């Protein structure tokens, strides 16, 4: 493989990964995972300062 095709291969991999990441984020949002993560984060923070 020469340098030009190697760069093209890396660029394709980056775009495929970016698309998969965006799809995963949107899927998580649609499933309501945002509320679960936020609730867990609040509980952990409150535990750390001794309120929870």
PDB file of N, CA and C in Angstrom:
ATOM      1  N   UNK A   1       0.841  -1.185   0.000  1.00  0.00           N
ATOM      2  CA  UNK A   1       0.000   0.000   0.000  1.00  0.00           C
ATOM      3  C   UNK A   1       0.879   1.239   0.000  1.00  0.00           C
ATOM      4  N   UNK A   2       0.519   2.158  -0.815  1.00  0.00           N
ATOM      5  CA  UNK A   2       1.288   3.394  -0.817  1.00  0.00           C
ATOM      6  C   UNK A   2       0.669   4.380   0.170  1.00  0.00           C
ATOM      7  N   UNK A   3       1.325   5.503   0.327  1.00  0.00           N
ATOM      8  CA  UNK A   3       0.910   6.493   1.325  1.00  0.00           C
ATOM      9  C   UNK A   3      -0.469   7.070   1.027  1.00  0.00           C
ATOM     10  N   UNK A   4      -0.762   7.283  -0.258  1.00  0.00           N
ATOM     11  CA  UNK A   4      -2.044   7.877  -0.636  1.00  0.00           C
ATOM     12  C   UNK A   4      -3.216   6.950  -0.297  1.00  0.00           C
ATOM     13  N   UNK A   5      -3.088   5.671  -0.606  1.00  0.00           N
ATOM     14  CA  UNK A   5      -4.175   4.742  -0.312  1.00  0.00           C
ATOM     15  C   UNK A   5      -4.287   4.496   1.191  1.00  0.00           C
ATOM     16  N   UNK A   6      -3.162   4.575   1.896  1.00  0.00           N
ATOM     17  CA  UNK A   6      -3.174   4.418   3.348  1.00  0.00           C
ATOM     18  C   UNK A   6      -3.944   5.568   4.004  1.00  0.00           C
ATOM     19  N   UNK A   7      -3.740   6.787   3.525  1.00  0.00           N
ATOM     20  CA  UNK A   7      -4.462   7.934   4.064  1.00  0.00           C
ATOM     21  C   UNK A   7      -5.957   7.824   3.767  1.00  0.00           C
ATOM     22  N   UNK A   8      -6.283   7.357   2.579  1.00  0.00           N
ATOM     23  CA  UNK A   8      -7.683   7.178   2.212  1.00  0.00           C
ATOM     24  C   UNK A   8      -8.342   6.137   3.113  1.00  0.00           C
ATOM     25  N   UNK A   9      -7.644   5.046   3.364  1.00  0.00           N
ATOM     26  CA  UNK A   9      -8.142   3.988   4.236  1.00  0.00           C
ATOM     27  C   UNK A   9      -8.401   4.524   5.645  1.00  0.00           C
ATOM     28  N   UNK A  10      -7.482   5.308   6.180  1.00  0.00           N
ATOM     29  CA  UNK A  10      -7.660   5.889   7.516  1.00  0.00           C
ATOM     30  C   UNK A  10      -8.822   6.873   7.543  1.00  0.00           C
ATOM     31  N   UNK A  11      -8.967   7.644   6.491  1.00  0.00           N
ATOM     32  CA  UNK A  11     -10.064   8.609   6.421  1.00  0.00           C
ATOM     33  C   UNK A  11     -11.408   7.884   6.407  1.00  0.00           C
ATOM     34  N   UNK A  12     -11.498   6.788   5.649  1.00  0.00           N
ATOM     35  CA  UNK A  12     -12.745   6.013   5.592  1.00  0.00           C
ATOM     36  C   UNK A  12     -13.062   5.428   6.963  1.00  0.00           C
ATOM     37  N   UNK A  13     -12.055   4.901   7.639  1.00  0.00           N
ATOM     38  CA  UNK A  13     -12.268   4.342   8.977  1.00  0.00           C
ATOM     39  C   UNK A  13     -12.755   5.413   9.936  1.00  0.00           C
ATOM     40  N   UNK A  14     -12.175   6.596   9.876  1.00  0.00           N
ATOM     41  CA  UNK A  14     -12.603   7.687  10.762  1.00  0.00           C
ATOM     42  C   UNK A  14     -14.067   8.052  10.537  1.00  0.00           C
ATOM     43  N   UNK A  15     -14.468   8.156   9.272  1.00  0.00           N
ATOM     44  CA  UNK A  15     -15.849   8.528   8.984  1.00  0.00           C
ATOM     45  C   UNK A  15     -16.829   7.431   9.382  1.00  0.00           C
ATOM     46  N   UNK A  16     -16.449   6.187   9.183  1.00  0.00           N
ATOM     47  CA  UNK A  16     -17.317   5.079   9.589  1.00  0.00           C
ATOM     48  C   UNK A  16     -17.481   5.080  11.108  1.00  0.00           C
ATOM     49  N   UNK A  17     -16.380   5.269  11.841  1.00  0.00           N
ATOM     50  CA  UNK A  17     -16.474   5.328  13.300  1.00  0.00           C
ATOM     51  C   UNK A  17     -17.306   6.515  13.769  1.00  0.00           C
ATOM     52  N   UNK A  18     -17.134   7.651  13.120  1.00  0.00           N
ATOM     53  CA  UNK A  18     -17.917   8.833  13.482  1.00  0.00           C
ATOM     54  C   UNK A  18     -19.410   8.580  13.276  1.00  0.00           C
ATOM     55  N   UNK A  19     -19.764   7.959  12.175  1.00  0.00           N
ATOM     56  CA  UNK A  19     -21.172   7.652  11.907  1.00  0.00           C
ATOM     57  C   UNK A  19     -21.716   6.674  12.939  1.00  0.00           C
ATOM     58  N   UNK A  20     -20.933   5.648  13.288  1.00  0.00           N
ATOM     59  CA  UNK A  20     -21.378   4.679  14.297  1.00  0.00           C
ATOM     60  C   UNK A  20     -21.558   5.339  15.667  1.00  0.00           C
ATOM     61  N   UNK A  21     -20.671   6.249  16.017  1.00  0.00           N
ATOM     62  CA  UNK A  21     -20.780   6.949  17.299  1.00  0.00           C
ATOM     63  C   UNK A  21     -22.032   7.807  17.334  1.00  0.00           C
ATOM     64  N   UNK A  22     -22.292   8.544  16.270  1.00  0.00           N
ATOM     65  CA  UNK A  22     -23.486   9.399  16.222  1.00  0.00           C
ATOM     66  C   UNK A  22     -24.753   8.548  16.297  1.00  0.00           C
ATOM     67  N   UNK A  23     -24.777   7.430  15.583  1.00  0.00           N
ATOM     68  CA  UNK A  23     -25.935   6.537  15.633  1.00  0.00           C
ATOM     69  C   UNK A  23     -26.136   6.001  17.048  1.00  0.00           C
ATOM     70  N   UNK A  24     -25.058   5.637  17.725  1.00  0.00           N
ATOM     71  CA  UNK A  24     -25.157   5.123  19.096  1.00  0.00           C
ATOM     72  C   UNK A  24     -25.682   6.187  20.058  1.00  0.00           C
ATOM     73  N   UNK A  25     -25.223   7.409  19.900  1.00  0.00           N
ATOM     74  CA  UNK A  25     -25.690   8.496  20.767  1.00  0.00           C
ATOM     75  C   UNK A  25     -27.180   8.749  20.547  1.00  0.00           C
ATOM     76  N   UNK A  26     -27.601   8.810  19.297  1.00  0.00           N
ATOM     77  CA  UNK A  26     -29.015   9.050  18.995  1.00  0.00           C
ATOM     78  C   UNK A  26     -29.872   7.900  19.523  1.00  0.00           C
ATOM     79  N   UNK A  27     -29.402   6.675  19.370  1.00  0.00           N
ATOM     80  CA  UNK A  27     -30.142   5.509  19.868  1.00  0.00           C
ATOM     81  C   UNK A  27     -30.292   5.577  21.392  1.00  0.00           C
ATOM     82  N   UNK A  28     -29.229   5.956  22.084  1.00  0.00           N
ATOM     83  CA  UNK A  28     -29.290   6.090  23.534  1.00  0.00           C
ATOM     84  C   UNK A  28     -30.255   7.183  23.966  1.00  0.00           C
ATOM     85  N   UNK A  29     -30.259   8.284  23.246  1.00  0.00           N
ATOM     86  CA  UNK A  29     -31.185   9.376  23.564  1.00  0.00           C
ATOM     87  C   UNK A  29     -32.627   8.923  23.365  1.00  0.00           C
ATOM     88  N   UNK A  30     -32.888   8.225  22.268  1.00  0.00           N
ATOM     89  CA  UNK A  30     -34.249   7.767  21.986  1.00  0.00           C
ATOM     90  C   UNK A  30     -34.737   6.732  23.002  1.00  0.00           C
ATOM     91  N   UNK A  31     -33.826   5.972  23.585  1.00  0.00           N
ATOM     92  CA  UNK A  31     -34.202   4.966  24.583  1.00  0.00           C
ATOM     93  C   UNK A  31     -34.396   5.571  25.974  1.00  0.00           C
ATOM     94  N   UNK A  32     -34.052   6.844  26.147  1.00  0.00           N
ATOM     95  CA  UNK A  32     -34.223   7.482  27.439  1.00  0.00           C
ATOM     96  C   UNK A  32     -33.044   7.288  28.381  1.00  0.00           C
ATOM     97  N   UNK A  33     -31.894   6.968  27.839  1.00  0.00           N
ATOM     98  CA  UNK A  33     -30.723   6.723  28.669  1.00  0.00           C
ATOM     99  C   UNK A  33     -30.190   8.003  29.313  1.00  0.00           C
ATOM    100  N   UNK A  34     -30.531   9.152  28.751  1.00  0.00           N
ATOM    101  CA  UNK A  34     -30.030  10.409  29.291  1.00  0.00           C
ATOM    102  C   UNK A  34     -30.520  10.600  30.727  1.00  0.00           C
ATOM    103  N   UNK A  35     -31.776  10.336  30.962  1.00  0.00           N
ATOM    104  CA  UNK A  35     -32.331  10.498  32.296  1.00  0.00           C
ATOM    105  C   UNK A  35     -31.684   9.531  33.290  1.00  0.00           C
ATOM    106  N   UNK A  36     -31.422   8.320  32.854  1.00  0.00           N
ATOM    107  CA  UNK A  36     -30.809   7.323  33.739  1.00  0.00           C
ATOM    108  C   UNK A  36     -29.396   7.749  34.115  1.00  0.00           C
ATOM    109  N   UNK A  37     -28.632   8.191  33.125  1.00  0.00           N
ATOM    110  CA  UNK A  37     -27.255   8.619  33.393  1.00  0.00           C
ATOM    111  C   UNK A  37     -27.247   9.838  34.303  1.00  0.00           C
ATOM    112  N   UNK A  38     -28.128  10.796  34.053  1.00  0.00           N
ATOM    113  CA  UNK A  38     -28.185  11.993  34.886  1.00  0.00           C
ATOM    114  C   UNK A  38     -28.591  11.652  36.313  1.00  0.00           C
ATOM    115  N   UNK A  39     -29.556  10.770  36.479  1.00  0.00           N
ATOM    116  CA  UNK A  39     -29.977  10.370  37.823  1.00  0.00           C
ATOM    117  C   UNK A  39     -28.834   9.683  38.572  1.00  0.00           C
ATOM    118  N   UNK A  40     -28.109   8.807  37.900  1.00  0.00           N
ATOM    119  CA  UNK A  40     -26.977   8.137  38.540  1.00  0.00           C
ATOM    120  C   UNK A  40     -25.880   9.133  38.892  1.00  0.00           C
ATOM    121  N   UNK A  41     -25.624  10.102  38.025  1.00  0.00           N
ATOM    122  CA  UNK A  41     -24.601  11.111  38.300  1.00  0.00           C
ATOM    123  C   UNK A  41     -24.979  11.953  39.510  1.00  0.00           C
ATOM    124  N   UNK A  42     -26.234  12.333  39.609  1.00  0.00           N
ATOM    125  CA  UNK A  42     -26.689  13.120  40.760  1.00  0.00           C
ATOM    126  C   UNK A  42     -26.553  12.306  42.034  1.00  0.00           C
ATOM    127  N   UNK A  43     -26.934  11.041  41.999  1.00  0.00           N
ATOM    128  CA  UNK A  43     -26.811  10.192  43.184  1.00  0.00           C
ATOM    129  C   UNK A  43     -25.364  10.038  43.616  1.00  0.00           C
ATOM    130  N   UNK A  44     -24.464   9.863  42.675  1.00  0.00           N
ATOM    131  CA  UNK A  44     -23.046   9.737  43.017  1.00  0.00           C
ATOM    132  C   UNK A  44     -22.524  11.038  43.619  1.00  0.00           C
ATOM    133  N   UNK A  45     -22.879  12.165  43.046  1.00  0.00           N
ATOM    134  CA  UNK A  45     -22.410  13.453  43.559  1.00  0.00           C
ATOM    135  C   UNK A  45     -22.950  13.706  44.967  1.00  0.00           C
ATOM    136  N   UNK A  46     -24.226  13.403  45.171  1.00  0.00           N
ATOM    137  CA  UNK A  46     -24.806  13.605  46.488  1.00  0.00           C
ATOM    138  C   UNK A  46     -24.178  12.673  47.519  1.00  0.00           C
ATOM    139  N   UNK A  47     -23.822  11.461  47.120  1.00  0.00           N
ATOM    140  CA  UNK A  47     -23.125  10.543  48.013  1.00  0.00           C
ATOM    141  C   UNK A  47     -21.761  11.073  48.390  1.00  0.00           C
ATOM    142  N   UNK A  48     -21.071  11.662  47.441  1.00  0.00           N
ATOM    143  CA  UNK A  48     -19.721  12.150  47.700  1.00  0.00           C
ATOM    144  C   UNK A  48     -19.716  13.284  48.727  1.00  0.00           C
ATOM    145  N   UNK A  49     -20.705  14.150  48.684  1.00  0.00           N
ATOM    146  CA  UNK A  49     -20.723  15.270  49.628  1.00  0.00           C
ATOM    147  C   UNK A  49     -21.505  14.936  50.890  1.00  0.00           C
ATOM    148  N   UNK A  50     -22.035  13.732  50.964  1.00  0.00           N
ATOM    149  CA  UNK A  50     -22.651  13.268  52.200  1.00  0.00           C
ATOM    150  C   UNK A  50     -24.122  13.575  52.364  1.00  0.00           C
ATOM    151  N   UNK A  51     -24.784  14.005  51.329  1.00  0.00           N
ATOM    152  CA  UNK A  51     -26.214  14.327  51.428  1.00  0.00           C
ATOM    153  C   UNK A  51     -27.057  13.107  51.093  1.00  0.00           C
ATOM    154  N   UNK A  52     -26.611  12.326  50.132  1.00  0.00           N
ATOM    155  CA  UNK A  52     -27.403  11.205  49.621  1.00  0.00           C
ATOM    156  C   UNK A  52     -27.256  10.040  50.493  1.00  0.00           C
TER     157      UNK A  52
END
